[in-house]
Amino acid sequence: MNNLKLTNLFKDGLMVVPIYLLKNYKNMQLELNEFIFLMYLYHKGNNTIFNPSAFAKEINMDLEEVMDIISRLSDKKYINVEVEKNDHGLMEEIIKLDDFYNKISLMLLDDINKDEVDSSIFEIIEKEFGRTLSPIEYEIIKTWLDNNYNEDLIKEAVKEATFNGVSNLRYIDKILYEWSKKGINTKEAVLEHKKQRNAKMEEKENKKIDLEIMDWNWFEDEE
């Protein structure tokens, strides 16, 4: 579902949002009184005639507080006050909630996308381990995601662990921690790190072979 379709659902009043917003209004940088007033406007509809005195009376707020909230919501780009001509040809101020609908639509899409990412990474790890993850393991993976480890980085850490024959999230957690200390936070950085590590190992192995050749007793070998 795209942003436009979600926005239209909000405008038509076909989607219930207060419970979702109640859980997330702080993340939206809203104060409680701003959230309450925004919900009041939401239930009145998208095009509400600008009447602060009536608003204050209906929601039991001081007129000064209502005016202050309207100003703050406008500054935060949740509402917009516009002047339009009504059916009688008279100009009147209208409160529009298009910006609010758009913000909520984007929030929901972000949550949906995050859930899809979370689901896929869980399935990938279960497939690599060949078993179902425990509740504790789910919490560990969620912690990685909350700490902004991207999905590709986690996949590389899982590959590193399984390559070493370890199917343990604590081991993977240690890999992610060590990479983080070294500033390795993308798949490309991991691949470059592995490339450099393999080059050093190859160089070390070549030096070992050279030393063995130098230490060889060629005279005894001829006998």
N, C-alpha and C. Protein backbone atom coordinates (compact mmCIF):
# COMPACT_ATOMS: atom_id res chain seq x y z
N MET A 1 0.84 -1.20 0.00
CA MET A 1 0.00 0.00 0.00
C MET A 1 0.88 1.25 0.00
N ASN A 2 0.61 2.19 -0.93
CA ASN A 2 1.46 3.37 -0.99
C ASN A 2 0.94 4.48 -0.10
N ASN A 3 1.74 5.54 -0.01
CA ASN A 3 1.43 6.65 0.89
C ASN A 3 0.12 7.33 0.52
N LEU A 4 -0.16 7.50 -0.77
CA LEU A 4 -1.36 8.18 -1.23
C LEU A 4 -2.62 7.43 -0.78
N LYS A 5 -2.60 6.09 -0.91
CA LYS A 5 -3.77 5.30 -0.52
C LYS A 5 -4.02 5.40 0.99
N LEU A 6 -2.94 5.34 1.77
CA LEU A 6 -3.09 5.48 3.21
C LEU A 6 -3.65 6.84 3.58
N THR A 7 -3.15 7.88 2.92
CA THR A 7 -3.61 9.23 3.17
C THR A 7 -5.11 9.36 2.89
N ASN A 8 -5.58 8.76 1.81
CA ASN A 8 -7.00 8.82 1.47
C ASN A 8 -7.86 8.09 2.49
N LEU A 9 -7.32 6.99 3.04
CA LEU A 9 -8.05 6.26 4.07
C LEU A 9 -8.25 7.13 5.31
N PHE A 10 -7.22 7.87 5.67
CA PHE A 10 -7.33 8.77 6.81
C PHE A 10 -8.35 9.88 6.53
N LYS A 11 -8.27 10.46 5.36
CA LYS A 11 -9.16 11.55 5.00
C LYS A 11 -10.62 11.12 5.02
N ASP A 12 -10.88 9.91 4.55
CA ASP A 12 -12.25 9.40 4.48
C ASP A 12 -12.75 8.87 5.81
N GLY A 13 -11.88 8.88 6.83
CA GLY A 13 -12.29 8.40 8.15
C GLY A 13 -12.46 6.91 8.22
N LEU A 14 -11.81 6.18 7.30
CA LEU A 14 -11.97 4.73 7.25
C LEU A 14 -10.92 3.98 8.06
N MET A 15 -9.98 4.71 8.65
CA MET A 15 -8.95 4.06 9.44
C MET A 15 -8.92 4.65 10.84
N VAL A 16 -8.96 3.78 11.85
CA VAL A 16 -8.92 4.24 13.24
C VAL A 16 -7.47 4.39 13.66
N VAL A 17 -7.09 5.58 14.12
CA VAL A 17 -5.68 5.82 14.45
C VAL A 17 -5.40 6.21 15.90
N PRO A 18 -6.36 6.61 16.70
CA PRO A 18 -6.01 7.11 18.04
C PRO A 18 -5.16 6.18 18.88
N ILE A 19 -5.43 4.86 18.90
CA ILE A 19 -4.65 3.94 19.72
C ILE A 19 -3.21 3.89 19.23
N TYR A 20 -3.04 3.84 17.93
CA TYR A 20 -1.70 3.84 17.34
C TYR A 20 -0.96 5.12 17.71
N LEU A 21 -1.67 6.24 17.60
CA LEU A 21 -1.05 7.53 17.91
C LEU A 21 -0.76 7.66 19.40
N LEU A 22 -1.65 7.11 20.23
CA LEU A 22 -1.43 7.18 21.67
C LEU A 22 -0.12 6.51 22.05
N LYS A 23 0.24 5.44 21.34
CA LYS A 23 1.49 4.73 21.61
C LYS A 23 2.70 5.45 21.03
N ASN A 24 2.44 6.30 20.03
CA ASN A 24 3.56 6.87 19.28
C ASN A 24 3.65 8.39 19.28
N TYR A 25 2.73 9.07 19.98
CA TYR A 25 2.70 10.53 19.86
C TYR A 25 3.98 11.18 20.38
N LYS A 26 4.64 10.57 21.36
CA LYS A 26 5.90 11.14 21.85
C LYS A 26 6.99 11.05 20.78
N ASN A 27 6.98 9.96 20.02
CA ASN A 27 7.94 9.83 18.92
C ASN A 27 7.67 10.84 17.81
N MET A 28 6.45 11.37 17.79
CA MET A 28 6.07 12.38 16.81
C MET A 28 6.38 13.79 17.31
N GLN A 29 7.06 13.87 18.46
CA GLN A 29 7.42 15.16 19.05
C GLN A 29 6.17 15.98 19.41
N LEU A 30 5.14 15.29 19.91
CA LEU A 30 3.90 15.96 20.32
C LEU A 30 3.76 15.94 21.83
N GLU A 31 3.31 17.06 22.38
CA GLU A 31 2.94 17.11 23.79
C GLU A 31 1.54 16.51 23.93
N LEU A 32 1.17 16.11 25.17
CA LEU A 32 -0.11 15.44 25.36
C LEU A 32 -1.28 16.34 24.95
N ASN A 33 -1.23 17.64 25.31
CA ASN A 33 -2.35 18.53 24.95
C ASN A 33 -2.41 18.75 23.43
N GLU A 34 -1.25 18.71 22.77
CA GLU A 34 -1.23 18.82 21.31
C GLU A 34 -1.86 17.58 20.68
N PHE A 35 -1.53 16.42 21.25
CA PHE A 35 -2.09 15.17 20.74
C PHE A 35 -3.61 15.16 20.91
N ILE A 36 -4.10 15.56 22.07
CA ILE A 36 -5.54 15.58 22.33
C ILE A 36 -6.26 16.52 21.35
N PHE A 37 -5.69 17.71 21.15
CA PHE A 37 -6.33 18.66 20.23
C PHE A 37 -6.28 18.16 18.79
N LEU A 38 -5.19 17.50 18.42
CA LEU A 38 -5.07 16.95 17.07
C LEU A 38 -6.10 15.86 16.84
N MET A 39 -6.34 15.02 17.85
CA MET A 39 -7.35 13.99 17.74
C MET A 39 -8.75 14.59 17.64
N TYR A 40 -8.95 15.69 18.35
CA TYR A 40 -10.23 16.42 18.28
C TYR A 40 -10.47 16.91 16.85
N LEU A 41 -9.43 17.50 16.25
CA LEU A 41 -9.56 17.98 14.87
C LEU A 41 -9.75 16.81 13.90
N TYR A 42 -9.05 15.71 14.16
CA TYR A 42 -9.15 14.55 13.29
C TYR A 42 -10.59 14.05 13.22
N HIS A 43 -11.26 13.99 14.36
CA HIS A 43 -12.63 13.49 14.39
C HIS A 43 -13.62 14.50 13.81
N LYS A 44 -13.24 15.76 13.73
CA LYS A 44 -14.12 16.77 13.11
C LYS A 44 -14.01 16.73 11.59
N GLY A 45 -12.88 16.21 11.08
CA GLY A 45 -12.73 16.09 9.63
C GLY A 45 -11.60 16.95 9.10
N ASN A 46 -11.28 16.75 7.82
CA ASN A 46 -10.12 17.40 7.24
C ASN A 46 -10.28 18.91 7.10
N ASN A 47 -11.46 19.38 6.70
CA ASN A 47 -11.67 20.81 6.48
C ASN A 47 -12.58 21.37 7.58
N THR A 48 -11.96 21.82 8.65
CA THR A 48 -12.70 22.35 9.80
C THR A 48 -12.61 23.87 9.83
N ILE A 49 -13.76 24.51 9.98
CA ILE A 49 -13.77 25.97 10.05
C ILE A 49 -12.98 26.43 11.27
N PHE A 50 -12.10 27.39 11.07
CA PHE A 50 -11.24 27.92 12.14
C PHE A 50 -12.10 28.72 13.12
N ASN A 51 -12.34 28.13 14.29
CA ASN A 51 -13.17 28.78 15.32
C ASN A 51 -12.60 28.43 16.69
N PRO A 52 -11.50 29.08 17.10
CA PRO A 52 -10.84 28.77 18.37
C PRO A 52 -11.75 28.84 19.59
N SER A 53 -12.68 29.76 19.61
CA SER A 53 -13.58 29.90 20.77
C SER A 53 -14.44 28.65 20.91
N ALA A 54 -14.97 28.16 19.77
CA ALA A 54 -15.79 26.94 19.80
C ALA A 54 -14.94 25.74 20.18
N PHE A 55 -13.70 25.69 19.67
CA PHE A 55 -12.80 24.60 20.02
C PHE A 55 -12.57 24.55 21.54
N ALA A 56 -12.27 25.71 22.09
CA ALA A 56 -11.96 25.80 23.52
C ALA A 56 -13.14 25.33 24.37
N LYS A 57 -14.33 25.71 23.96
CA LYS A 57 -15.54 25.34 24.71
C LYS A 57 -15.81 23.84 24.61
N GLU A 58 -15.63 23.28 23.43
CA GLU A 58 -15.94 21.86 23.21
C GLU A 58 -14.96 20.92 23.90
N ILE A 59 -13.70 21.30 24.01
CA ILE A 59 -12.72 20.40 24.63
C ILE A 59 -12.25 20.89 26.00
N ASN A 60 -12.97 21.91 26.50
CA ASN A 60 -12.72 22.39 27.86
C ASN A 60 -11.27 22.87 28.06
N MET A 61 -10.82 23.73 27.14
CA MET A 61 -9.51 24.34 27.25
C MET A 61 -9.65 25.86 27.22
N ASP A 62 -8.67 26.54 27.76
CA ASP A 62 -8.65 28.00 27.67
C ASP A 62 -8.40 28.42 26.23
N LEU A 63 -9.00 29.53 25.84
CA LEU A 63 -8.82 30.04 24.48
C LEU A 63 -7.35 30.29 24.18
N GLU A 64 -6.63 30.86 25.16
CA GLU A 64 -5.21 31.15 24.98
C GLU A 64 -4.43 29.86 24.72
N GLU A 65 -4.78 28.80 25.47
CA GLU A 65 -4.09 27.52 25.30
C GLU A 65 -4.38 26.94 23.92
N VAL A 66 -5.63 27.04 23.47
CA VAL A 66 -6.00 26.53 22.15
C VAL A 66 -5.23 27.26 21.05
N MET A 67 -5.13 28.58 21.16
CA MET A 67 -4.40 29.36 20.16
C MET A 67 -2.92 28.97 20.15
N ASP A 68 -2.37 28.72 21.33
CA ASP A 68 -0.97 28.32 21.43
C ASP A 68 -0.75 26.95 20.80
N ILE A 69 -1.67 26.03 21.04
CA ILE A 69 -1.56 24.68 20.47
C ILE A 69 -1.66 24.74 18.95
N ILE A 70 -2.59 25.51 18.45
CA ILE A 70 -2.75 25.65 17.00
C ILE A 70 -1.46 26.18 16.37
N SER A 71 -0.86 27.18 17.04
CA SER A 71 0.38 27.76 16.54
C SER A 71 1.50 26.71 16.51
N ARG A 72 1.60 25.90 17.59
CA ARG A 72 2.67 24.90 17.66
C ARG A 72 2.46 23.77 16.65
N LEU A 73 1.21 23.33 16.49
CA LEU A 73 0.93 22.28 15.51
C LEU A 73 1.20 22.76 14.09
N SER A 74 0.96 24.03 13.86
CA SER A 74 1.25 24.60 12.56
C SER A 74 2.76 24.66 12.32
N ASP A 75 3.51 25.05 13.36
CA ASP A 75 4.97 25.11 13.25
C ASP A 75 5.57 23.73 13.02
N LYS A 76 4.95 22.72 13.63
CA LYS A 76 5.44 21.35 13.50
C LYS A 76 4.93 20.66 12.23
N LYS A 77 4.20 21.41 11.42
CA LYS A 77 3.70 20.90 10.13
C LYS A 77 2.70 19.76 10.29
N TYR A 78 1.82 19.87 11.31
CA TYR A 78 0.74 18.89 11.46
C TYR A 78 -0.59 19.42 10.94
N ILE A 79 -0.76 20.74 10.99
CA ILE A 79 -1.97 21.36 10.47
C ILE A 79 -1.58 22.57 9.64
N ASN A 80 -2.54 23.01 8.85
CA ASN A 80 -2.32 24.19 8.02
C ASN A 80 -3.62 25.00 7.96
N VAL A 81 -3.55 26.29 8.25
CA VAL A 81 -4.72 27.16 8.21
C VAL A 81 -4.71 27.92 6.89
N GLU A 82 -5.78 27.72 6.10
CA GLU A 82 -5.88 28.37 4.80
C GLU A 82 -7.20 29.14 4.70
N VAL A 83 -7.21 30.14 3.82
CA VAL A 83 -8.42 30.93 3.58
C VAL A 83 -9.05 30.45 2.28
N GLU A 84 -10.34 30.05 2.36
CA GLU A 84 -11.05 29.56 1.19
C GLU A 84 -12.43 30.21 1.09
N LYS A 85 -13.00 30.16 -0.11
CA LYS A 85 -14.35 30.70 -0.33
C LYS A 85 -15.36 29.58 -0.09
N ASN A 86 -16.36 29.86 0.76
CA ASN A 86 -17.36 28.83 1.06
C ASN A 86 -18.46 28.80 0.01
N ASP A 87 -19.48 27.98 0.24
CA ASP A 87 -20.57 27.82 -0.73
C ASP A 87 -21.37 29.10 -0.93
N HIS A 88 -21.30 30.02 0.02
CA HIS A 88 -22.04 31.29 -0.08
C HIS A 88 -21.17 32.40 -0.67
N GLY A 89 -19.98 32.04 -1.11
CA GLY A 89 -19.11 33.03 -1.71
C GLY A 89 -18.34 33.87 -0.72
N LEU A 90 -18.38 33.49 0.56
CA LEU A 90 -17.67 34.24 1.60
C LEU A 90 -16.34 33.58 1.92
N MET A 91 -15.35 34.39 2.24
CA MET A 91 -14.03 33.87 2.59
C MET A 91 -14.02 33.44 4.06
N GLU A 92 -13.46 32.28 4.35
CA GLU A 92 -13.37 31.81 5.72
C GLU A 92 -12.09 30.98 5.91
N GLU A 93 -11.61 30.97 7.15
CA GLU A 93 -10.39 30.23 7.47
C GLU A 93 -10.73 28.77 7.73
N ILE A 94 -9.94 27.90 7.15
CA ILE A 94 -10.15 26.45 7.26
C ILE A 94 -8.87 25.80 7.80
N ILE A 95 -9.05 24.85 8.75
CA ILE A 95 -7.91 24.07 9.23
C ILE A 95 -7.85 22.79 8.42
N LYS A 96 -6.73 22.57 7.75
CA LYS A 96 -6.53 21.37 6.93
C LYS A 96 -5.55 20.42 7.63
N LEU A 97 -5.81 19.13 7.51
CA LEU A 97 -4.99 18.12 8.17
C LEU A 97 -4.18 17.28 7.19
N ASP A 98 -4.01 17.77 5.97
CA ASP A 98 -3.28 16.99 4.96
C ASP A 98 -1.87 16.64 5.44
N ASP A 99 -1.19 17.59 6.07
CA ASP A 99 0.17 17.33 6.56
C ASP A 99 0.17 16.24 7.62
N PHE A 100 -0.84 16.25 8.49
CA PHE A 100 -0.97 15.23 9.53
C PHE A 100 -1.18 13.85 8.91
N TYR A 101 -2.10 13.75 7.94
CA TYR A 101 -2.35 12.47 7.28
C TYR A 101 -1.08 11.94 6.62
N ASN A 102 -0.34 12.83 6.00
CA ASN A 102 0.88 12.42 5.31
C ASN A 102 1.92 11.89 6.29
N LYS A 103 2.09 12.56 7.43
CA LYS A 103 3.06 12.12 8.43
C LYS A 103 2.70 10.75 8.98
N ILE A 104 1.41 10.53 9.29
CA ILE A 104 0.98 9.24 9.84
C ILE A 104 1.15 8.14 8.80
N SER A 105 0.84 8.44 7.55
CA SER A 105 1.01 7.45 6.49
C SER A 105 2.46 7.01 6.40
N LEU A 106 3.38 7.96 6.44
CA LEU A 106 4.81 7.64 6.35
C LEU A 106 5.27 6.84 7.57
N MET A 107 4.75 7.17 8.75
CA MET A 107 5.08 6.42 9.96
C MET A 107 4.66 4.96 9.84
N LEU A 108 3.43 4.74 9.37
CA LEU A 108 2.92 3.38 9.22
C LEU A 108 3.72 2.59 8.19
N LEU A 109 4.07 3.24 7.09
CA LEU A 109 4.86 2.56 6.07
C LEU A 109 6.23 2.19 6.60
N ASP A 110 6.83 3.07 7.40
CA ASP A 110 8.13 2.77 8.02
C ASP A 110 8.01 1.56 8.94
N ASP A 111 6.93 1.51 9.72
CA ASP A 111 6.72 0.38 10.64
C ASP A 111 6.52 -0.91 9.87
N ILE A 112 5.75 -0.84 8.77
CA ILE A 112 5.51 -2.03 7.95
C ILE A 112 6.81 -2.54 7.35
N ASN A 113 7.61 -1.61 6.82
CA ASN A 113 8.90 -1.99 6.22
C ASN A 113 9.83 -2.58 7.26
N LYS A 114 9.82 -2.01 8.47
CA LYS A 114 10.69 -2.51 9.54
C LYS A 114 10.27 -3.93 9.94
N ASP A 115 8.95 -4.15 10.01
CA ASP A 115 8.45 -5.49 10.36
C ASP A 115 8.87 -6.50 9.30
N GLU A 116 8.85 -6.08 8.03
CA GLU A 116 9.26 -6.99 6.95
C GLU A 116 10.74 -7.32 7.06
N VAL A 117 11.56 -6.33 7.39
CA VAL A 117 13.00 -6.56 7.57
C VAL A 117 13.24 -7.50 8.74
N ASP A 118 12.54 -7.21 9.87
CA ASP A 118 12.70 -8.04 11.06
C ASP A 118 12.35 -9.49 10.76
N SER A 119 11.21 -9.68 10.07
CA SER A 119 10.76 -11.04 9.76
C SER A 119 11.78 -11.77 8.90
N SER A 120 12.33 -11.09 7.91
CA SER A 120 13.25 -11.74 7.00
C SER A 120 14.54 -12.14 7.70
N ILE A 121 15.07 -11.30 8.58
CA ILE A 121 16.32 -11.61 9.26
C ILE A 121 16.14 -12.78 10.23
N PHE A 122 14.97 -12.86 10.86
CA PHE A 122 14.69 -13.99 11.75
C PHE A 122 14.67 -15.29 10.94
N GLU A 123 14.00 -15.25 9.79
CA GLU A 123 13.89 -16.45 8.95
C GLU A 123 15.26 -16.87 8.42
N ILE A 124 16.08 -15.89 8.06
CA ILE A 124 17.42 -16.20 7.54
C ILE A 124 18.26 -16.91 8.60
N ILE A 125 18.23 -16.41 9.83
CA ILE A 125 19.03 -17.00 10.91
C ILE A 125 18.52 -18.40 11.26
N GLU A 126 17.20 -18.56 11.27
CA GLU A 126 16.64 -19.89 11.55
C GLU A 126 17.05 -20.89 10.47
N LYS A 127 17.09 -20.45 9.23
CA LYS A 127 17.50 -21.32 8.13
C LYS A 127 18.98 -21.69 8.26
N GLU A 128 19.82 -20.72 8.64
CA GLU A 128 21.25 -20.98 8.81
C GLU A 128 21.50 -21.94 9.97
N PHE A 129 20.74 -21.76 11.05
CA PHE A 129 20.92 -22.60 12.24
C PHE A 129 20.22 -23.95 12.10
N GLY A 130 19.23 -24.03 11.19
CA GLY A 130 18.49 -25.27 11.01
C GLY A 130 17.56 -25.58 12.16
N ARG A 131 17.09 -24.54 12.81
CA ARG A 131 16.17 -24.74 13.94
C ARG A 131 15.40 -23.45 14.20
N THR A 132 14.37 -23.57 15.06
CA THR A 132 13.57 -22.41 15.44
C THR A 132 14.29 -21.62 16.53
N LEU A 133 14.24 -20.31 16.44
CA LEU A 133 14.88 -19.46 17.45
C LEU A 133 14.06 -19.43 18.73
N SER A 134 14.75 -19.31 19.85
CA SER A 134 14.09 -19.22 21.14
C SER A 134 13.64 -17.78 21.39
N PRO A 135 12.72 -17.54 22.33
CA PRO A 135 12.29 -16.16 22.66
C PRO A 135 13.46 -15.26 23.04
N ILE A 136 14.43 -15.79 23.78
CA ILE A 136 15.59 -15.00 24.18
C ILE A 136 16.40 -14.59 22.95
N GLU A 137 16.54 -15.54 21.99
CA GLU A 137 17.29 -15.24 20.77
C GLU A 137 16.57 -14.17 19.94
N TYR A 138 15.24 -14.22 19.95
CA TYR A 138 14.48 -13.17 19.26
C TYR A 138 14.79 -11.80 19.85
N GLU A 139 14.88 -11.74 21.17
CA GLU A 139 15.16 -10.47 21.85
C GLU A 139 16.57 -9.97 21.53
N ILE A 140 17.52 -10.89 21.42
CA ILE A 140 18.89 -10.50 21.07
C ILE A 140 18.93 -9.89 19.67
N ILE A 141 18.23 -10.52 18.73
CA ILE A 141 18.20 -10.01 17.35
C ILE A 141 17.51 -8.65 17.30
N LYS A 142 16.43 -8.50 18.07
CA LYS A 142 15.74 -7.21 18.13
C LYS A 142 16.67 -6.12 18.67
N THR A 143 17.51 -6.50 19.63
CA THR A 143 18.47 -5.55 20.18
C THR A 143 19.46 -5.10 19.11
N TRP A 144 19.91 -6.03 18.27
CA TRP A 144 20.81 -5.66 17.17
C TRP A 144 20.15 -4.63 16.26
N LEU A 145 18.89 -4.89 15.91
CA LEU A 145 18.16 -3.98 15.02
C LEU A 145 17.95 -2.62 15.69
N ASP A 146 17.64 -2.64 16.98
CA ASP A 146 17.45 -1.38 17.72
C ASP A 146 18.75 -0.59 17.80
N ASN A 147 19.88 -1.31 17.78
CA ASN A 147 21.19 -0.66 17.84
C ASN A 147 21.71 -0.29 16.45
N ASN A 148 20.77 -0.34 15.47
CA ASN A 148 21.06 0.11 14.10
C ASN A 148 22.07 -0.75 13.34
N TYR A 149 22.20 -2.03 13.73
CA TYR A 149 22.95 -2.95 12.87
C TYR A 149 22.04 -3.27 11.67
N ASN A 150 22.50 -2.99 10.46
CA ASN A 150 21.63 -3.23 9.31
C ASN A 150 21.57 -4.71 8.97
N GLU A 151 20.57 -5.07 8.19
CA GLU A 151 20.30 -6.48 7.89
C GLU A 151 21.48 -7.15 7.19
N ASP A 152 22.10 -6.46 6.24
CA ASP A 152 23.22 -7.04 5.50
C ASP A 152 24.40 -7.32 6.42
N LEU A 153 24.65 -6.43 7.39
CA LEU A 153 25.75 -6.63 8.33
C LEU A 153 25.50 -7.86 9.20
N ILE A 154 24.26 -8.01 9.66
CA ILE A 154 23.90 -9.17 10.48
C ILE A 154 24.06 -10.46 9.67
N LYS A 155 23.65 -10.42 8.40
CA LYS A 155 23.80 -11.60 7.53
C LYS A 155 25.26 -12.01 7.43
N GLU A 156 26.16 -11.02 7.26
CA GLU A 156 27.59 -11.33 7.15
C GLU A 156 28.13 -11.92 8.44
N ALA A 157 27.64 -11.42 9.57
CA ALA A 157 28.08 -11.95 10.87
C ALA A 157 27.61 -13.40 11.04
N VAL A 158 26.38 -13.68 10.58
CA VAL A 158 25.85 -15.05 10.64
C VAL A 158 26.68 -15.97 9.76
N LYS A 159 27.04 -15.51 8.56
CA LYS A 159 27.88 -16.31 7.66
C LYS A 159 29.23 -16.59 8.30
N GLU A 160 29.80 -15.57 8.94
CA GLU A 160 31.10 -15.73 9.59
C GLU A 160 31.03 -16.79 10.69
N ALA A 161 29.94 -16.76 11.47
CA ALA A 161 29.78 -17.71 12.56
C ALA A 161 29.60 -19.14 12.03
N THR A 162 28.70 -19.29 11.06
CA THR A 162 28.43 -20.64 10.54
C THR A 162 29.64 -21.19 9.79
N PHE A 163 30.43 -20.32 9.15
CA PHE A 163 31.67 -20.74 8.49
C PHE A 163 32.64 -21.33 9.50
N ASN A 164 32.62 -20.76 10.72
CA ASN A 164 33.49 -21.25 11.79
C ASN A 164 32.84 -22.39 12.60
N GLY A 165 31.68 -22.85 12.11
CA GLY A 165 31.01 -23.98 12.76
C GLY A 165 30.30 -23.64 14.04
N VAL A 166 29.93 -22.36 14.22
CA VAL A 166 29.27 -21.93 15.46
C VAL A 166 27.85 -21.44 15.14
N SER A 167 26.86 -22.04 15.80
CA SER A 167 25.47 -21.60 15.65
C SER A 167 25.00 -21.02 16.98
N ASN A 168 25.56 -19.88 17.30
CA ASN A 168 25.31 -19.27 18.62
C ASN A 168 25.21 -17.77 18.46
N LEU A 169 24.11 -17.18 18.94
CA LEU A 169 23.92 -15.75 18.79
C LEU A 169 24.91 -14.94 19.61
N ARG A 170 25.37 -15.48 20.72
CA ARG A 170 26.37 -14.77 21.53
C ARG A 170 27.67 -14.60 20.74
N TYR A 171 28.00 -15.61 19.98
CA TYR A 171 29.20 -15.55 19.14
C TYR A 171 29.01 -14.50 18.05
N ILE A 172 27.82 -14.49 17.44
CA ILE A 172 27.53 -13.49 16.42
C ILE A 172 27.53 -12.09 17.02
N ASP A 173 27.00 -11.98 18.22
CA ASP A 173 26.99 -10.68 18.92
C ASP A 173 28.41 -10.17 19.13
N LYS A 174 29.32 -11.09 19.47
CA LYS A 174 30.72 -10.71 19.65
C LYS A 174 31.34 -10.24 18.34
N ILE A 175 30.99 -10.92 17.24
CA ILE A 175 31.48 -10.51 15.92
C ILE A 175 31.02 -9.10 15.59
N LEU A 176 29.72 -8.83 15.80
CA LEU A 176 29.17 -7.51 15.52
C LEU A 176 29.83 -6.44 16.39
N TYR A 177 30.09 -6.79 17.64
CA TYR A 177 30.74 -5.85 18.56
C TYR A 177 32.15 -5.52 18.10
N GLU A 178 32.92 -6.54 17.73
CA GLU A 178 34.29 -6.34 17.26
C GLU A 178 34.32 -5.52 15.98
N TRP A 179 33.39 -5.82 15.07
CA TRP A 179 33.31 -5.04 13.83
C TRP A 179 32.99 -3.59 14.13
N SER A 180 32.06 -3.38 15.07
CA SER A 180 31.67 -2.02 15.43
C SER A 180 32.85 -1.23 15.97
N LYS A 181 33.69 -1.88 16.80
CA LYS A 181 34.87 -1.20 17.36
C LYS A 181 35.84 -0.79 16.27
N LYS A 182 35.87 -1.56 15.18
CA LYS A 182 36.78 -1.27 14.08
C LYS A 182 36.14 -0.36 13.02
N GLY A 183 34.91 0.08 13.29
CA GLY A 183 34.23 0.95 12.34
C GLY A 183 33.66 0.23 11.14
N ILE A 184 33.52 -1.09 11.26
CA ILE A 184 32.96 -1.90 10.16
C ILE A 184 31.45 -1.98 10.34
N ASN A 185 30.70 -1.25 9.53
CA ASN A 185 29.25 -1.21 9.72
C ASN A 185 28.45 -1.40 8.43
N THR A 186 29.10 -1.86 7.38
CA THR A 186 28.40 -2.18 6.13
C THR A 186 28.93 -3.49 5.56
N LYS A 187 28.17 -4.08 4.67
CA LYS A 187 28.58 -5.32 4.02
C LYS A 187 29.88 -5.12 3.25
N GLU A 188 29.99 -3.97 2.57
CA GLU A 188 31.18 -3.68 1.79
C GLU A 188 32.42 -3.60 2.68
N ALA A 189 32.26 -3.00 3.87
CA ALA A 189 33.38 -2.88 4.81
C ALA A 189 33.80 -4.26 5.33
N VAL A 190 32.82 -5.14 5.53
CA VAL A 190 33.11 -6.51 5.97
C VAL A 190 33.92 -7.25 4.91
N LEU A 191 33.48 -7.15 3.67
CA LEU A 191 34.18 -7.84 2.58
C LEU A 191 35.60 -7.32 2.41
N GLU A 192 35.79 -6.01 2.57
CA GLU A 192 37.13 -5.43 2.48
C GLU A 192 38.00 -5.90 3.63
N HIS A 193 37.40 -5.98 4.83
CA HIS A 193 38.13 -6.46 6.01
C HIS A 193 38.58 -7.90 5.81
N LYS A 194 37.70 -8.75 5.27
CA LYS A 194 38.04 -10.15 5.01
C LYS A 194 39.15 -10.25 3.97
N LYS A 195 39.07 -9.40 2.96
CA LYS A 195 40.07 -9.40 1.91
C LYS A 195 41.44 -9.07 2.48
N GLN A 196 41.51 -8.04 3.32
CA GLN A 196 42.78 -7.65 3.94
C GLN A 196 43.28 -8.74 4.89
N ARG A 197 42.38 -9.35 5.62
CA ARG A 197 42.76 -10.42 6.56
C ARG A 197 43.33 -11.61 5.81
N ASN A 198 42.68 -12.00 4.71
CA ASN A 198 43.16 -13.13 3.92
C ASN A 198 44.52 -12.84 3.29
N ALA A 199 44.70 -11.57 2.89
CA ALA A 199 45.99 -11.18 2.30
C ALA A 199 47.11 -11.28 3.34
N LYS A 200 46.82 -10.87 4.58
CA LYS A 200 47.82 -10.95 5.65
C LYS A 200 48.15 -12.40 5.98
N MET A 201 47.12 -13.25 5.99
CA MET A 201 47.33 -14.67 6.29
C MET A 201 48.18 -15.32 5.20
N GLU A 202 47.90 -14.94 3.96
CA GLU A 202 48.67 -15.48 2.83
C GLU A 202 50.11 -15.02 2.89
N GLU A 203 50.31 -13.75 3.26
CA GLU A 203 51.66 -13.21 3.39
C GLU A 203 52.42 -13.92 4.52
N LYS A 204 51.73 -14.16 5.63
CA LYS A 204 52.34 -14.84 6.77
C LYS A 204 52.71 -16.27 6.40
N GLU A 205 51.86 -16.93 5.64
CA GLU A 205 52.11 -18.31 5.22
C GLU A 205 53.31 -18.38 4.27
N ASN A 206 53.41 -17.39 3.38
CA ASN A 206 54.53 -17.34 2.44
C ASN A 206 55.86 -17.13 3.17
N LYS A 207 55.83 -16.27 4.21
CA LYS A 207 57.04 -16.03 5.00
C LYS A 207 57.46 -17.30 5.73
N LYS A 208 56.46 -18.05 6.21
CA LYS A 208 56.75 -19.30 6.92
C LYS A 208 57.42 -20.30 5.98
N ILE A 209 56.92 -20.37 4.74
CA ILE A 209 57.51 -21.28 3.76
C ILE A 209 58.94 -20.86 3.43
N ASP A 210 59.17 -19.55 3.29
CA ASP A 210 60.51 -19.04 2.99
C ASP A 210 61.49 -19.39 4.10
N LEU A 211 61.04 -19.26 5.38
CA LEU A 211 61.91 -19.59 6.52
C LEU A 211 62.24 -21.08 6.53
N GLU A 212 61.27 -21.92 6.20
CA GLU A 212 61.51 -23.37 6.17
C GLU A 212 62.54 -23.72 5.09
N ILE A 213 62.46 -23.02 3.96
CA ILE A 213 63.43 -23.26 2.89
C ILE A 213 64.83 -22.85 3.32
N MET A 214 64.91 -21.69 4.02
CA MET A 214 66.21 -21.19 4.46
C MET A 214 66.83 -22.11 5.51
N ASP A 215 65.97 -22.71 6.37
CA ASP A 215 66.48 -23.58 7.43
C ASP A 215 66.82 -24.99 6.95
N TRP A 216 66.52 -25.29 5.71
CA TRP A 216 66.73 -26.66 5.21
C TRP A 216 68.24 -26.92 5.06
N ASN A 217 68.66 -28.09 5.54
CA ASN A 217 70.07 -28.48 5.42
C ASN A 217 70.27 -29.17 4.08
N TRP A 218 70.66 -28.39 3.10
CA TRP A 218 70.77 -28.91 1.74
C TRP A 218 71.88 -29.95 1.60
N PHE A 219 72.95 -29.81 2.38
CA PHE A 219 74.04 -30.78 2.29
C PHE A 219 73.63 -32.14 2.76
N GLU A 220 72.88 -32.19 3.88
CA GLU A 220 72.39 -33.47 4.39
C GLU A 220 71.41 -34.11 3.41
N ASP A 221 70.65 -33.26 2.74
CA ASP A 221 69.69 -33.76 1.78
C ASP A 221 70.38 -34.46 0.60
N GLU A 222 71.59 -33.91 0.22
CA GLU A 222 72.32 -34.51 -0.90
C GLU A 222 72.88 -35.90 -0.52
N GLU A 223 73.24 -36.08 0.72
CA GLU A 223 73.75 -37.37 1.16
C GLU A 223 72.67 -38.43 1.11
